């Protein structure tokens, strides 16, 4: 029987017989998927000034990654594997940026960021670096956060970014 699930992190609905292994919208692990009745907005929480500062850093990282992945996607042949890969990476990163904007109660800023590196290998290498830097930053922010909701958000981000890092490494190795 098909059920309605809602991601605890991004709030997006999912229809299925069971929850997906990862949220298809933000990449959060399965344990963040809830039945509709159990859902509560993660971003509805009090934040310290330090936590807000960390979220602004997070927003900048996510917006840059979104723009970068969109640029790489546009440089790839339409409907090719790389076009689809980077388009999906951009969607997930933009969902992360949307969630941060909800935590900060602001409108999502314009999506602008760095340009592509000019070759698939260089773009994948840059992807790996962006993801490794994000993981490190989110681990630091997780440690310094006091809000349980914000800690849950950073745990979900770390999970998603590790997946992005891993796929960039796999794709780089396939080029060898």
Protein backbone atom coordinates (compact mmCIF):
# COMPACT_ATOMS: atom_id res chain seq x y z
CA UNK A 1 0.00 0.00 0.00
CA UNK A 2 1.33 3.42 -0.94
CA UNK A 3 1.93 5.79 1.97
CA UNK A 4 2.71 9.47 2.26
CA UNK A 5 6.12 10.16 3.77
CA UNK A 6 7.62 13.56 4.50
CA UNK A 7 11.31 14.31 4.89
CA UNK A 8 12.05 15.68 8.35
CA UNK A 9 14.84 17.83 6.90
CA UNK A 10 13.42 19.45 3.75
CA UNK A 11 9.69 18.86 4.27
CA UNK A 12 9.18 17.42 0.79
CA UNK A 13 6.57 14.66 0.38
CA UNK A 14 7.29 11.21 -1.02
CA UNK A 15 4.77 8.55 -2.07
CA UNK A 16 5.82 4.91 -1.78
CA UNK A 17 5.20 1.58 -0.18
CA UNK A 18 8.15 2.31 2.09
CA UNK A 19 10.43 5.27 2.72
CA UNK A 20 13.33 5.64 0.26
CA UNK A 21 16.91 4.94 1.40
CA UNK A 22 17.72 8.64 0.93
CA UNK A 23 15.36 11.58 0.44
CA UNK A 24 15.21 12.15 -3.33
CA UNK A 25 15.08 15.91 -2.76
CA UNK A 26 17.76 16.68 -0.15
CA UNK A 27 19.68 13.41 0.22
CA UNK A 28 18.88 12.90 3.92
CA UNK A 29 19.11 9.29 5.10
CA UNK A 30 16.05 7.08 5.46
CA UNK A 31 15.70 7.66 9.20
CA UNK A 32 14.66 11.25 8.43
CA UNK A 33 11.66 10.11 6.38
CA UNK A 34 8.50 10.24 8.52
CA UNK A 35 4.85 9.45 8.03
CA UNK A 36 2.88 12.61 7.42
CA UNK A 37 1.40 12.45 10.91
CA UNK A 38 4.86 12.49 12.56
CA UNK A 39 6.24 15.41 10.54
CA UNK A 40 7.27 18.71 12.18
CA UNK A 41 9.25 21.52 10.55
CA UNK A 42 12.92 21.19 11.45
CA UNK A 43 13.65 24.87 10.85
CA UNK A 44 11.05 26.04 13.39
CA UNK A 45 13.59 26.56 16.19
CA UNK A 46 15.36 29.28 18.14
CA UNK A 47 18.91 29.98 16.99
CA UNK A 48 21.82 31.75 18.63
CA UNK A 49 23.72 34.45 16.78
CA UNK A 50 26.62 32.02 16.36
CA UNK A 51 24.28 29.42 14.82
CA UNK A 52 22.88 32.04 12.45
CA UNK A 53 26.42 32.98 11.42
CA UNK A 54 27.15 29.29 10.70
CA UNK A 55 23.97 29.00 8.66
CA UNK A 56 25.00 32.01 6.57
CA UNK A 57 28.32 30.26 5.84
CA UNK A 58 26.35 27.13 4.96
CA UNK A 59 24.10 29.12 2.64
CA UNK A 60 27.11 30.55 0.78
CA UNK A 61 28.61 27.07 0.32
CA UNK A 62 25.32 25.61 -0.90
CA UNK A 63 24.60 28.46 -3.31
CA UNK A 64 28.10 28.28 -4.78
CA UNK A 65 27.81 24.50 -5.21
CA UNK A 66 24.37 24.85 -6.81
CA UNK A 67 25.64 27.41 -9.31
CA UNK A 68 28.77 25.41 -10.07
CA UNK A 69 26.88 22.18 -10.68
CA UNK A 70 24.31 23.97 -12.85
CA UNK A 71 27.14 25.47 -14.90
CA UNK A 72 28.78 22.07 -15.36
CA UNK A 73 25.43 20.55 -16.29
CA UNK A 74 24.86 23.22 -18.94
CA UNK A 75 28.34 22.58 -20.39
CA UNK A 76 27.60 18.85 -20.75
CA UNK A 77 25.80 17.30 -23.69
CA UNK A 78 22.06 17.45 -23.04
CA UNK A 79 20.66 14.25 -21.49
CA UNK A 80 24.15 12.77 -21.12
CA UNK A 81 25.20 11.04 -17.91
CA UNK A 82 27.26 14.05 -16.82
CA UNK A 83 24.45 16.48 -17.63
CA UNK A 84 22.08 14.43 -15.48
CA UNK A 85 24.60 13.87 -12.69
CA UNK A 86 25.41 17.55 -12.26
CA UNK A 87 21.78 18.58 -12.70
CA UNK A 88 20.80 16.29 -9.83
CA UNK A 89 23.71 17.47 -7.67
CA UNK A 90 22.53 21.05 -8.29
CA UNK A 91 18.94 20.17 -7.32
CA UNK A 92 20.02 18.66 -4.02
CA UNK A 93 22.38 21.55 -3.22
CA UNK A 94 19.64 24.05 -4.03
CA UNK A 95 17.27 22.18 -1.71
CA UNK A 96 19.92 22.52 1.01
CA UNK A 97 20.08 26.26 0.32
CA UNK A 98 16.27 26.47 0.51
CA UNK A 99 16.31 24.77 3.92
CA UNK A 100 18.97 27.18 5.22
CA UNK A 101 16.87 30.12 4.01
CA UNK A 102 13.93 28.68 5.99
CA UNK A 103 16.09 28.38 9.13
CA UNK A 104 17.16 32.02 8.67
CA UNK A 105 13.64 33.11 7.66
CA UNK A 106 14.96 34.86 4.55
CA UNK A 107 14.30 34.74 0.84
CA UNK A 108 16.72 32.52 -1.09
CA UNK A 109 19.44 34.75 -2.58
CA UNK A 110 20.28 34.68 -6.28
CA UNK A 111 22.12 31.53 -7.32
CA UNK A 112 25.60 32.70 -8.35
CA UNK A 113 28.90 30.94 -8.04
CA UNK A 114 32.08 29.85 -9.70
CA UNK A 115 32.51 28.87 -13.32
CA UNK A 116 33.39 25.43 -14.64
CA UNK A 117 36.99 24.25 -14.87
CA UNK A 118 36.89 23.41 -18.58
CA UNK A 119 37.11 19.62 -18.55
CA UNK A 120 35.12 16.82 -16.97
CA UNK A 121 38.14 15.63 -15.00
CA UNK A 122 38.79 19.11 -13.56
CA UNK A 123 35.08 19.61 -12.82
CA UNK A 124 34.88 16.29 -10.98
CA UNK A 125 38.05 17.13 -9.06
CA UNK A 126 36.52 20.50 -8.10
CA UNK A 127 33.32 18.71 -7.07
CA UNK A 128 35.30 16.45 -4.77
CA UNK A 129 37.03 19.46 -3.21
CA UNK A 130 33.76 21.38 -2.74
CA UNK A 131 32.18 18.36 -1.05
CA UNK A 132 35.18 17.62 1.20
CA UNK A 133 35.28 21.27 2.31
CA UNK A 134 31.52 21.24 2.97
CA UNK A 135 31.76 18.03 5.01
CA UNK A 136 34.53 19.51 7.15
CA UNK A 137 32.64 22.77 7.70
CA UNK A 138 29.36 20.98 8.54
CA UNK A 139 31.13 18.71 11.02
CA UNK A 140 32.50 21.82 12.75
CA UNK A 141 29.07 23.48 12.73
CA UNK A 142 27.45 20.31 14.05
CA UNK A 143 29.87 20.33 16.99
CA UNK A 144 29.28 24.00 17.79
CA UNK A 145 25.47 23.98 17.41
CA UNK A 146 23.25 23.87 20.47
CA UNK A 147 19.90 23.43 18.72
CA UNK A 148 18.94 19.75 18.35
CA UNK A 149 17.10 20.63 15.12
CA UNK A 150 20.17 22.30 13.69
CA UNK A 151 22.34 19.34 14.73
CA UNK A 152 19.94 17.03 12.87
CA UNK A 153 20.16 19.26 9.82
CA UNK A 154 23.96 19.17 9.81
CA UNK A 155 23.98 15.39 10.24
CA UNK A 156 21.72 15.08 7.20
CA UNK A 157 23.91 17.50 5.21
CA UNK A 158 27.04 15.56 6.08
CA UNK A 159 25.38 12.35 4.86
CA UNK A 160 24.31 13.93 1.56
CA UNK A 161 27.66 15.64 0.95
CA UNK A 162 29.53 12.39 1.60
CA UNK A 163 27.40 10.79 -1.10
CA UNK A 164 28.29 13.62 -3.49
CA UNK A 165 31.98 13.27 -2.64
CA UNK A 166 31.86 9.52 -3.19
CA UNK A 167 30.19 9.79 -6.59
CA UNK A 168 32.72 12.39 -7.74
CA UNK A 169 35.54 10.03 -6.69
CA UNK A 170 33.91 7.08 -8.49
CA UNK A 171 33.46 9.14 -11.65
CA UNK A 172 37.04 10.37 -11.50
CA UNK A 173 38.28 6.79 -11.16
CA UNK A 174 36.19 5.72 -14.15
CA UNK A 175 38.09 8.26 -16.28
CA UNK A 176 41.44 6.61 -15.48
